[in-house]
Protein backbone atom coordinates (compact mmCIF):
# COMPACT_ATOMS: atom_id res chain seq x y z
CA MET A 1 55.05 87.11 101.17
CA GLN A 2 58.30 87.68 99.57
CA LYS A 3 60.21 84.73 98.31
CA GLN A 4 63.58 85.58 100.40
CA ASN A 5 66.98 84.43 98.88
CA VAL A 6 69.25 82.94 101.19
CA LYS A 7 71.40 86.01 102.36
CA ARG A 8 74.24 87.39 104.72
CA PHE A 9 72.56 90.60 106.10
CA GLY A 10 71.16 92.12 102.90
CA ARG A 11 73.79 90.97 100.49
CA VAL A 12 71.64 88.59 98.37
CA LEU A 13 73.25 85.07 96.86
CA PRO A 14 71.53 84.92 93.40
CA TRP A 15 69.29 81.79 93.36
CA GLY A 16 71.26 80.21 90.43
CA VAL A 17 74.63 80.26 92.33
CA ILE A 18 72.59 78.96 95.68
CA ALA A 19 71.34 76.24 93.51
CA ALA A 20 75.11 75.29 92.09
CA ILE A 21 76.18 75.09 95.89
CA PHE A 22 73.42 73.03 96.45
CA LEU A 23 73.81 70.16 93.97
CA PHE A 24 77.57 69.99 94.53
CA TRP A 25 76.73 69.68 98.20
CA MET A 26 74.35 66.92 97.50
CA VAL A 27 76.59 64.60 95.10
CA LEU A 28 79.62 62.77 96.37
CA PRO A 29 82.40 63.80 93.43
CA ALA A 30 83.26 60.28 91.65
CA GLY A 31 86.28 58.34 92.94
CA ALA A 32 86.24 60.34 96.04
CA ALA A 33 88.22 58.28 98.80
CA GLN A 34 86.71 57.39 102.19
CA ILE A 35 89.19 58.42 104.95
CA LYS A 36 88.41 56.09 108.26
CA GLU A 37 89.19 58.13 110.97
CA LEU A 38 90.05 61.39 111.89
CA LYS A 39 91.21 62.39 115.46
CA ILE A 40 90.88 65.64 116.76
CA GLY A 41 92.73 66.78 119.87
CA ILE A 42 90.57 69.10 122.40
CA GLY A 43 91.37 70.84 125.73
CA VAL A 44 87.96 70.02 127.04
CA ASP A 45 84.87 67.75 127.50
CA ALA A 46 81.32 68.68 126.83
CA ASP A 47 79.10 69.50 129.29
CA THR A 48 75.91 68.50 126.83
CA LEU A 49 75.51 67.52 123.57
CA ASN A 50 71.66 68.79 123.45
CA PRO A 51 71.74 71.79 121.10
CA GLN A 52 69.26 73.45 122.87
CA GLU A 53 71.24 73.70 125.76
CA GLN A 54 75.07 74.68 124.27
CA THR A 55 76.74 77.67 126.06
CA THR A 56 80.13 76.79 124.16
CA THR A 57 80.82 77.00 120.26
CA LEU A 58 83.30 73.74 120.41
CA PHE A 59 80.32 71.40 121.31
CA GLN A 60 77.57 73.78 119.07
CA ASN A 61 80.45 72.77 116.61
CA ILE A 62 79.92 68.73 117.18
CA CYS A 63 76.13 69.13 117.71
CA ASP A 64 75.84 70.74 113.63
CA LEU A 65 77.61 67.56 112.39
CA ILE A 66 74.94 65.47 114.84
CA TYR A 67 71.94 67.38 114.34
CA ASP A 68 72.99 69.43 110.94
CA ASN A 69 72.03 73.03 110.54
CA MET A 70 68.61 74.36 109.39
CA TYR A 71 70.84 76.88 107.01
CA TYR A 72 74.68 76.23 106.65
CA GLN A 73 76.80 79.55 107.21
CA ASP A 74 79.78 79.29 105.75
CA GLN A 75 83.00 81.16 106.08
CA ASP A 76 82.36 84.75 104.71
CA GLY A 77 79.07 84.76 106.15
CA ASN A 78 76.53 83.61 103.50
CA LEU A 79 73.84 81.36 104.41
CA HIS A 80 73.11 78.09 102.02
CA PRO A 81 70.36 75.74 102.43
CA ARG A 82 70.52 72.65 104.59
CA LEU A 83 67.57 71.03 106.63
CA LEU A 84 65.60 74.54 105.28
CA SER A 85 65.35 74.66 101.73
CA SER A 86 64.16 78.28 101.84
CA HIS A 87 61.91 80.65 103.57
CA ASP A 88 59.27 83.88 103.40
CA VAL A 89 58.51 87.21 105.26
CA SER A 90 55.80 88.94 105.33
CA GLU A 91 56.07 92.80 104.61
CA ASP A 92 55.67 93.76 108.02
CA GLY A 93 58.50 91.30 109.10
CA LEU A 94 56.16 89.69 112.05
CA THR A 95 55.83 86.35 110.17
CA TRP A 96 58.34 84.19 108.62
CA THR A 97 57.43 81.12 106.72
CA LEU A 98 59.78 78.00 106.71
CA HIS A 99 60.10 75.40 104.01
CA LEU A 100 61.50 72.53 105.42
CA GLN A 101 63.78 69.79 103.06
CA LYS A 102 61.69 66.55 102.02
CA GLY A 103 63.05 62.82 102.61
CA VAL A 104 65.06 63.41 105.63
CA LYS A 105 65.21 61.08 108.70
CA PHE A 106 67.15 61.34 112.00
CA SER A 107 69.30 58.19 112.57
CA ASP A 108 66.84 56.60 114.45
CA GLY A 109 64.47 56.68 111.41
CA THR A 110 62.38 58.85 112.56
CA VAL A 111 60.86 61.80 110.20
CA PHE A 112 62.02 65.34 109.92
CA ASN A 113 58.82 67.15 109.35
CA ALA A 114 56.80 69.97 110.66
CA ASP A 115 55.79 68.34 113.90
CA VAL A 116 59.23 67.97 114.63
CA VAL A 117 59.96 71.57 113.73
CA LYS A 118 57.27 72.59 116.08
CA LEU A 119 58.08 70.47 119.04
CA THR A 120 61.65 72.29 118.81
CA TRP A 121 60.43 75.68 118.85
CA ASP A 122 57.75 74.81 121.67
CA ARG A 123 60.69 73.59 123.67
CA ILE A 124 62.87 76.66 122.94
CA LEU A 125 60.26 78.84 124.03
CA ASN A 126 59.02 77.06 127.05
CA PRO A 127 59.93 79.23 130.02
CA ASP A 128 60.71 75.84 132.15
CA MET A 129 63.31 74.23 129.84
CA ARG A 130 67.22 75.66 130.35
CA VAL A 131 67.90 77.18 126.70
CA PRO A 132 70.93 79.76 127.94
CA LEU A 133 71.11 81.15 124.24
CA ARG A 134 66.98 81.55 124.23
CA PHE A 135 67.39 85.51 123.96
CA ALA A 136 68.75 85.27 120.42
CA VAL A 137 65.56 83.97 119.20
CA SER A 138 63.16 85.76 122.21
CA MET A 139 61.44 87.81 119.48
CA VAL A 140 59.69 84.62 118.15
CA LYS A 141 56.25 83.87 120.07
CA GLU A 142 55.07 80.79 118.59
CA ALA A 143 55.68 78.26 115.61
CA VAL A 144 52.40 77.15 113.91
CA ILE A 145 52.08 74.17 111.73
CA ILE A 146 51.34 74.83 107.91
CA ASP A 147 51.60 71.57 106.45
CA ASP A 148 53.67 68.74 106.96
CA TYR A 149 56.83 70.32 105.48
CA THR A 150 55.90 74.23 106.06
CA VAL A 151 55.82 75.97 109.38
CA GLN A 152 55.08 79.54 110.24
CA LEU A 153 56.89 81.38 112.64
CA ASN A 154 54.66 84.36 114.42
CA LEU A 155 57.08 87.37 115.87
CA ALA A 156 56.52 89.92 118.56
CA TYR A 157 58.50 92.25 116.58
CA PRO A 158 60.51 92.20 112.83
CA PHE A 159 64.08 91.50 113.73
CA ALA A 160 66.33 91.69 110.70
CA PRO A 161 69.10 88.85 111.03
CA LEU A 162 66.48 86.17 111.84
CA ASP A 163 67.64 84.24 108.84
CA ALA A 164 71.47 83.97 109.99
CA THR A 165 70.11 83.46 113.74
CA LEU A 166 68.61 79.81 111.75
CA SER A 167 71.76 78.90 110.87
CA MET A 168 72.56 78.08 114.79
CA SER A 169 72.49 75.12 116.41
CA LEU A 170 69.95 76.37 119.20
CA VAL A 171 67.05 75.75 116.79
CA SER A 172 68.07 72.00 115.61
CA ALA A 173 65.96 69.47 115.98
CA ILE A 174 66.04 66.32 118.56
CA SER A 175 65.02 63.26 117.71
CA PRO A 176 61.03 63.11 119.62
CA ALA A 177 61.93 59.24 119.44
CA ALA A 178 64.82 60.08 121.10
CA LEU A 179 62.95 62.61 123.57
CA GLU A 180 60.06 60.18 124.46
CA LYS A 181 63.33 57.53 125.72
CA TYR A 182 65.67 59.41 127.60
CA GLY A 183 63.78 62.57 128.56
CA GLU A 184 65.89 65.43 129.31
CA ASP A 185 68.87 62.31 129.40
CA VAL A 186 69.17 62.99 125.68
CA ARG A 187 71.58 65.23 126.44
CA GLN A 188 73.87 62.34 126.72
CA HIS A 189 72.08 60.40 124.11
CA PRO A 190 71.85 63.05 120.80
CA VAL A 191 70.03 61.75 118.06
CA GLY A 192 69.79 63.93 115.13
CA PRO A 193 69.31 63.72 111.05
CA GLY A 194 73.05 65.17 110.44
CA PRO A 195 75.92 63.41 108.69
CA TYR A 196 77.46 61.88 111.78
CA VAL A 197 75.86 59.63 115.12
CA LEU A 198 77.45 59.25 118.67
CA SER A 199 78.77 56.57 118.79
CA GLU A 200 81.07 56.73 122.12
CA TRP A 201 81.15 59.52 124.74
CA VAL A 202 83.82 58.21 127.13
CA LYS A 203 83.89 61.37 129.68
CA GLY A 204 87.28 63.15 130.30
CA ASP A 205 88.60 60.94 127.17
CA ARG A 206 87.01 60.92 124.17
CA ILE A 207 83.73 61.77 122.07
CA VAL A 208 82.86 59.53 118.64
CA LEU A 209 81.18 60.27 116.13
CA THR A 210 80.76 58.07 113.10
CA ARG A 211 78.87 58.25 109.66
CA ASN A 212 75.56 58.09 109.46
CA GLU A 213 74.46 55.43 106.66
CA GLU A 214 70.93 57.10 106.28
CA TYR A 215 72.14 60.78 105.92
CA TRP A 216 69.86 62.52 103.44
CA GLY A 217 72.63 64.48 102.03
CA LYS A 218 75.89 64.07 100.42
CA THR A 219 77.93 61.32 101.94
CA PRO A 220 80.32 62.16 104.20
CA THR A 221 84.18 61.67 103.65
CA VAL A 222 85.33 60.69 106.79
CA ASP A 223 83.64 57.38 108.54
CA LYS A 224 84.78 58.42 112.11
CA LEU A 225 85.43 61.46 113.76
CA THR A 226 87.35 61.11 116.99
CA PHE A 227 87.37 64.35 119.42
CA LYS A 228 90.30 63.09 122.14
CA VAL A 229 90.35 65.57 125.34
CA ILE A 230 93.70 66.40 126.07
CA PRO A 231 93.28 69.55 128.36
CA GLU A 232 97.17 70.83 127.83
CA ALA A 233 98.03 72.23 124.67
CA THR A 234 101.58 71.13 124.61
CA THR A 235 100.57 67.38 124.32
CA ARG A 236 98.36 68.55 121.63
CA GLU A 237 100.43 69.77 119.52
CA ALA A 238 103.07 66.96 120.38
CA MET A 239 100.59 64.26 119.25
CA LEU A 240 99.89 66.69 116.19
CA ARG A 241 103.63 66.37 115.45
CA THR A 242 104.06 62.84 115.75
CA GLY A 243 100.83 61.66 113.76
CA GLU A 244 98.72 61.09 116.73
CA ILE A 245 95.94 63.20 116.15
CA ASP A 246 95.35 65.01 112.68
CA ILE A 247 93.62 68.33 113.88
CA CYS A 248 95.03 70.40 117.12
CA TYR A 249 92.40 72.59 118.75
CA LYS A 250 93.91 75.95 119.85
CA PRO A 251 97.68 74.94 120.08
CA LEU A 252 99.53 77.14 122.42
CA PRO A 253 100.30 80.94 120.72
CA SER A 254 103.74 80.46 122.25
CA ASN A 255 104.21 77.61 119.53
CA VAL A 256 102.03 79.25 116.42
CA ALA A 257 104.93 80.35 114.34
CA SER A 258 106.63 77.41 114.68
CA LEU A 259 104.14 75.19 113.87
CA ASP A 260 103.19 77.40 110.75
CA LYS A 261 107.02 76.88 109.37
CA MET A 262 106.69 73.10 109.13
CA ASP A 263 105.81 71.53 105.54
CA ASP A 264 103.51 68.51 107.01
CA ILE A 265 101.55 70.94 109.35
CA THR A 266 98.80 74.03 107.94
CA VAL A 267 97.69 76.35 110.90
CA GLU A 268 94.66 78.50 109.93
CA MET A 269 94.17 81.46 111.98
CA PRO A 270 90.82 83.75 110.73
CA LEU A 271 90.23 86.77 113.19
CA SER A 272 86.94 85.27 114.96
CA THR A 273 83.86 86.82 116.65
CA ARG A 274 85.22 85.66 120.12
CA THR A 275 86.29 87.78 122.69
CA ILE A 276 88.09 87.20 125.75
CA PHE A 277 87.20 89.62 128.61
CA MET A 278 87.51 89.38 132.73
CA GLY A 279 84.35 89.45 133.81
CA LEU A 280 83.47 91.75 136.88
CA ASN A 281 80.12 91.22 139.12
CA THR A 282 78.32 94.43 138.89
CA GLN A 283 75.60 93.35 141.32
CA LYS A 284 77.99 91.56 144.31
CA GLY A 285 81.38 92.63 145.54
CA VAL A 286 83.61 95.22 145.37
CA THR A 287 83.15 95.38 141.48
CA THR A 288 79.54 96.73 141.87
CA ASP A 289 81.71 100.23 141.81
CA LYS A 290 81.86 101.65 138.26
CA LYS A 291 85.16 103.35 138.91
CA VAL A 292 86.72 99.85 140.85
CA ARG A 293 85.63 98.70 137.02
CA GLN A 294 87.69 101.35 135.21
CA ALA A 295 90.21 101.13 137.31
CA PHE A 296 90.84 97.33 136.47
CA ASN A 297 91.02 98.50 132.87
CA TYR A 298 92.98 100.78 133.47
CA ALA A 299 95.49 98.69 135.26
CA VAL A 300 96.36 95.73 132.82
CA ASP A 301 98.34 96.15 129.63
CA LYS A 302 96.07 94.73 127.13
CA LYS A 303 98.43 95.17 124.24
CA ALA A 304 101.17 93.27 126.16
CA ILE A 305 99.23 90.45 126.53
CA VAL A 306 98.67 90.19 122.76
CA GLU A 307 102.13 90.68 121.95
CA ARG A 308 103.98 88.83 125.10
CA ILE A 309 101.55 86.35 126.40
CA LEU A 310 99.39 85.33 123.20
CA PHE A 311 102.54 85.95 120.28
CA ASN A 312 99.84 88.19 118.37
CA THR A 313 97.13 85.52 118.07
CA ALA A 314 94.68 88.15 119.00
CA GLU A 315 93.86 91.52 118.95
CA PRO A 316 93.58 94.21 121.82
CA MET A 317 89.71 94.84 122.33
CA ASP A 318 88.94 98.45 120.98
CA GLY A 319 85.29 98.26 121.41
CA PRO A 320 82.66 95.98 123.02
CA VAL A 321 82.58 93.82 120.52
CA SER A 322 84.57 91.77 117.25
CA PRO A 323 85.49 94.02 114.43
CA LYS A 324 83.83 90.95 112.40
CA VAL A 325 80.55 91.40 113.25
CA PHE A 326 77.90 94.15 111.63
CA GLY A 327 77.56 96.96 114.14
CA TYR A 328 81.22 97.12 115.43
CA MET A 329 82.39 100.60 116.44
CA LYS A 330 85.78 101.64 117.81
CA MET A 331 85.18 103.45 120.88
CA ASP A 332 86.92 106.83 120.97
CA HIS A 333 88.02 106.50 124.38
CA GLN A 334 90.22 103.66 125.04
CA TYR A 335 91.45 102.05 128.21
CA ASP A 336 95.17 102.10 127.50
CA TYR A 337 97.64 100.85 130.49
CA ASP A 338 97.65 103.47 133.07
CA PRO A 339 98.93 102.01 136.29
CA ASP A 340 98.42 105.64 138.18
CA LYS A 341 95.18 106.71 137.04
CA ALA A 342 93.60 103.11 137.92
CA SER A 343 95.61 103.68 141.46
CA GLN A 344 93.67 107.03 142.02
CA LEU A 345 90.39 105.45 140.49
CA LEU A 346 90.72 102.91 143.49
CA LYS A 347 91.38 105.45 145.73
CA GLU A 348 88.29 107.74 144.72
CA ALA A 349 86.39 104.61 145.36
CA GLY A 350 87.30 103.89 148.67
CA PHE A 351 88.42 100.46 147.64
CA ASP A 352 89.49 97.89 150.74
CA PHE A 353 92.84 96.98 149.71
CA SER A 354 92.48 94.16 152.47
CA LYS A 355 89.64 92.49 150.80
CA THR A 356 90.66 89.64 148.69
CA ILE A 357 89.17 88.96 145.38
CA SER A 358 88.59 85.60 144.08
CA MET A 359 89.31 85.03 140.35
CA ARG A 360 88.09 82.22 138.45
CA THR A 361 89.67 80.79 135.09
CA PRO A 362 89.33 77.49 132.92
CA ASN A 363 92.12 75.60 131.65
CA GLY A 364 92.13 75.04 127.91
CA ARG A 365 89.21 76.15 126.81
CA TYR A 366 90.63 79.42 125.67
CA LEU A 367 94.11 80.53 123.78
CA PHE A 368 96.36 80.70 126.99
CA ASP A 369 93.38 80.98 129.34
CA LYS A 370 95.19 80.22 132.44
CA GLN A 371 98.22 81.82 131.63
CA VAL A 372 96.24 85.31 130.90
CA SER A 373 94.18 84.91 133.85
CA GLU A 374 97.50 84.79 135.61
CA VAL A 375 98.59 87.82 134.18
CA VAL A 376 95.77 89.89 134.75
CA GLN A 377 96.19 89.01 138.63
CA ALA A 378 99.71 90.10 138.40
CA TYR A 379 98.75 93.39 137.00
CA LEU A 380 96.23 94.01 139.65
CA GLN A 381 98.59 92.85 142.31
CA ALA A 382 101.13 95.46 141.34
CA ILE A 383 98.43 98.19 141.89
CA GLY A 384 98.07 96.38 145.43
CA VAL A 385 94.58 94.66 144.78
CA LYS A 386 94.99 91.02 146.93
CA VAL A 387 93.90 87.99 144.33
CA GLU A 388 93.48 84.41 144.38
CA LEU A 389 93.30 82.95 141.20
CA ARG A 390 91.64 79.33 141.60
CA THR A 391 91.31 77.21 138.21
CA TYR A 392 88.46 75.18 137.10
CA ASP A 393 87.37 72.12 134.65
CA TRP A 394 85.07 73.42 131.94
CA PRO A 395 81.98 71.85 133.21
CA THR A 396 82.08 72.84 136.60
CA TYR A 397 82.90 76.27 135.31
CA VAL A 398 79.93 76.67 133.09
CA ALA A 399 77.78 74.87 136.22
CA GLY A 400 79.22 78.12 138.36
CA LEU A 401 78.54 80.91 135.51
CA LEU A 402 74.48 79.52 135.75
CA LYS A 403 74.07 79.81 139.23
CA PRO A 404 71.36 82.93 140.35
CA ILE A 405 73.19 86.36 141.48
CA GLU A 406 71.89 85.09 145.29
CA GLU A 407 73.73 81.85 144.80
CA SER A 408 76.68 83.24 142.43
CA GLU A 409 80.44 83.23 143.81
CA LEU A 410 81.97 85.01 141.03
CA GLU A 411 83.54 87.93 141.35
CA VAL A 412 86.30 88.44 138.45
CA PHE A 413 86.37 85.49 136.28
CA LEU A 414 88.02 84.71 133.00
CA LEU A 415 85.29 83.62 129.88
CA GLY A 416 85.05 84.30 126.16
CA TRP A 417 81.64 85.42 124.07
CA GLY A 418 81.68 84.13 120.64
CA PRO A 419 78.69 85.03 118.32
CA LEU A 420 77.63 82.27 116.10
CA PHE A 421 76.57 84.64 113.31
CA LEU A 422 78.07 88.11 111.99
CA ASP A 423 75.94 90.63 114.10
CA ALA A 424 76.89 92.71 117.12
CA ASP A 425 73.42 91.73 118.42
CA MET A 426 74.22 88.55 119.88
CA GLY A 427 77.19 90.23 121.69
CA LEU A 428 75.83 93.20 122.69
CA TYR A 429 72.15 91.84 123.50
CA GLY A 430 73.34 88.46 124.78
CA GLN A 431 75.95 89.46 127.51
CA PHE A 432 74.67 93.00 128.90
CA THR A 433 70.66 93.02 128.33
CA THR A 434 69.17 92.20 131.89
CA GLU A 435 67.51 89.28 130.26
CA VAL A 436 70.12 87.57 129.82
CA ASN A 437 71.17 87.42 133.49
CA PRO A 438 71.85 84.21 135.09
CA PRO A 439 70.17 81.61 135.73
CA LYS A 440 68.09 82.41 132.48
CA GLY A 441 71.32 83.37 129.98
CA LEU A 442 74.65 83.72 130.35
CA GLY A 443 75.31 87.54 131.36
CA SER A 444 77.86 86.35 133.99
CA ALA A 445 78.36 90.38 135.16
CA PHE A 446 74.84 90.27 136.21
CA TYR A 447 75.17 94.21 134.35
CA SER A 448 71.51 95.67 133.97
CA ASN A 449 70.95 99.09 132.90
CA PRO A 450 67.43 99.77 131.78
CA VAL A 451 68.50 102.50 129.48
CA TYR A 452 70.68 100.17 128.11
CA ASP A 453 68.11 97.57 127.44
CA ASP A 454 65.78 99.67 126.07
CA ILE A 455 68.24 100.65 123.44
CA MET A 456 68.64 97.49 122.51
CA LYS A 457 65.57 96.39 122.24
CA ALA A 458 65.14 99.46 119.95
CA SER A 459 67.97 98.03 117.65
CA ARG A 460 66.39 94.58 117.60
CA LYS A 461 63.46 96.03 116.03
CA ALA A 462 64.73 98.70 113.94
CA GLN A 463 64.69 97.52 110.21
CA ASP A 464 66.91 99.71 108.48
CA PRO A 465 70.48 99.21 108.46
CA LYS A 466 71.72 102.86 109.72
CA GLU A 467 69.47 102.90 111.96
CA ARG A 468 70.43 99.68 113.54
CA LEU A 469 73.92 101.10 113.32
CA ALA A 470 73.50 104.04 115.10
CA LEU A 471 71.58 102.58 118.17
CA LEU A 472 74.06 99.69 118.16
CA LYS A 473 76.71 102.58 118.53
CA GLN A 474 74.95 104.11 121.38
CA ALA A 475 74.57 100.86 123.05
CA SER A 476 78.44 99.98 122.81
CA GLU A 477 79.69 103.26 124.11
CA MET A 478 77.19 102.98 126.89
CA VAL A 479 78.80 99.53 128.13
CA TRP A 480 81.85 100.53 127.07
CA ASP A 481 82.10 103.10 130.02
CA ASP A 482 80.24 101.14 132.22
CA CYS A 483 82.80 98.55 132.05
CA PRO A 484 80.93 95.19 133.04
CA TRP A 485 84.54 93.70 131.72
CA ILE A 486 87.92 94.02 131.93
CA TRP A 487 88.23 94.31 127.69
CA LEU A 488 90.60 92.21 127.25
CA HIS A 489 91.24 90.97 123.25
CA VAL A 490 89.56 89.33 120.23
CA GLU A 491 91.12 85.68 119.14
CA LYS A 492 91.81 84.54 116.57
CA PHE A 493 90.88 81.13 115.69
CA VAL A 494 94.13 79.23 115.85
CA LEU A 495 93.59 75.82 114.32
CA ALA A 496 96.69 73.68 113.39
CA TYR A 497 96.47 70.39 111.19
CA SER A 498 98.16 67.48 108.91
CA SER A 499 98.87 69.24 105.44
CA LYS A 500 97.41 66.24 104.31
CA ILE A 501 93.79 67.26 105.12
CA LYS A 502 92.49 69.69 102.33
CA ASN A 503 88.99 71.37 102.40
CA LEU A 504 88.60 71.67 105.85
CA ALA A 505 85.84 74.24 106.27
CA VAL A 506 87.12 76.96 109.04
CA THR A 507 84.89 79.96 109.98
CA PRO A 508 85.30 83.29 111.88
CA THR A 509 82.53 82.22 114.12
CA GLU A 510 85.24 79.55 115.47
CA LYS A 511 84.09 75.92 114.03
CA PHE A 512 85.25 73.61 111.60
CA PHE A 513 83.91 71.09 109.56
CA PRO A 514 85.62 68.23 108.44
CA THR A 515 82.76 66.74 106.84
CA TYR A 516 84.44 66.79 103.27
CA ILE A 517 87.44 67.16 103.62
CA THR A 518 90.56 65.28 101.17
CA MET A 519 93.41 63.41 102.16
CA GLU A 520 96.61 63.29 100.19
């Protein structure tokens, strides 16, 4: 086996640099002031705080604060040791040996060791468990204990970006004592070894985390994090302006420019990995016809949505994944706004204009999500398609997305998909392979193409970056033509916060970490 430096998709960080970062992270700077509370306004409430059950980046972010990460992925996609100190990979890529940090305990006093990591992987790989993101690690066959602080992963096939995958909350460990005490209701009673513990969860109102006094790493500079559920973005913004909250998650796009001009507010807006789309059910209803799906794409003016509705807090999609990820390709053919072509395609498809299509949207989860849905509804109605739009709270919406095809009521639905590491696999495999169709996964368009599946499986096994790129391009072109989505836009991750806050880590994977901020 060869010793692996922690890396970002082939770019290796020198161990000296890693050691310096790690030592800084472990030691709290002398005289650093403690911050009593940070109030964060968010748009939706969590459905679960079990890391293996996660579907939503925001709540994976909260899980990271409770459970910590095996590796920490920074703003540039570089990986740094956390609960894993390092890993080795065999020459054939089929055996990964994980070396765990020593001296780590869960907030309930349970020791973090190889037994815990083995239990975590057994749960992830158990087909009877609800693990929506299991596809991300489906190449792992088993976890084997080598000694108290070493675990070996045996793979069915080599997977180049597995190290980045290990930064996901998906693989974070839950305290075995908590699992024994709460069973699967641990989703409401999370216990991890991270810098924070859950102290209060009032459904629909707030999630409160307090500093873990026994945290093994650097002491957090913030004593309490209060995530306040405020569905209306205008209310979140008003509370930020008046100082009632310190951070506003995804303010209204129309107000970003004015917020950015304020001296006492900082706005971060990196292009993210998140694609926003209208899912089109490919196995039920009128959208089973490819020509109908293509027609819907031509019917919607994506550039106008970005400019006039989102005020350029996004970029139109020109390929099936974000430009931020390895494997992104701009497609040669684009679905430019062309209502006449849309009407012609519907005519060729024999579309029944007497039918009313059900469109669904969340409110407060994405930038102007309800408003974008209303505009798409208007564009479809402009070419004669009858559309009824319904709005749901996030937990109800997620529950509807996870129903199997025979129970699914989905026809056209707004959703976002944000890969949690910078590789196209999580987008192209995670949304469009047959394996990820509900209820096993989150591919709610129910897209299923055996040829596409084979290409994506081959891309996973390819170790040469050029070979992977060629296969990912082939898969991208195929799914782009099939249109299981109305390809809308790539969001920018908009986060507005008090300018008193310094050193807030904000990543393109739509996560932010207030753990070690300072306040002026």
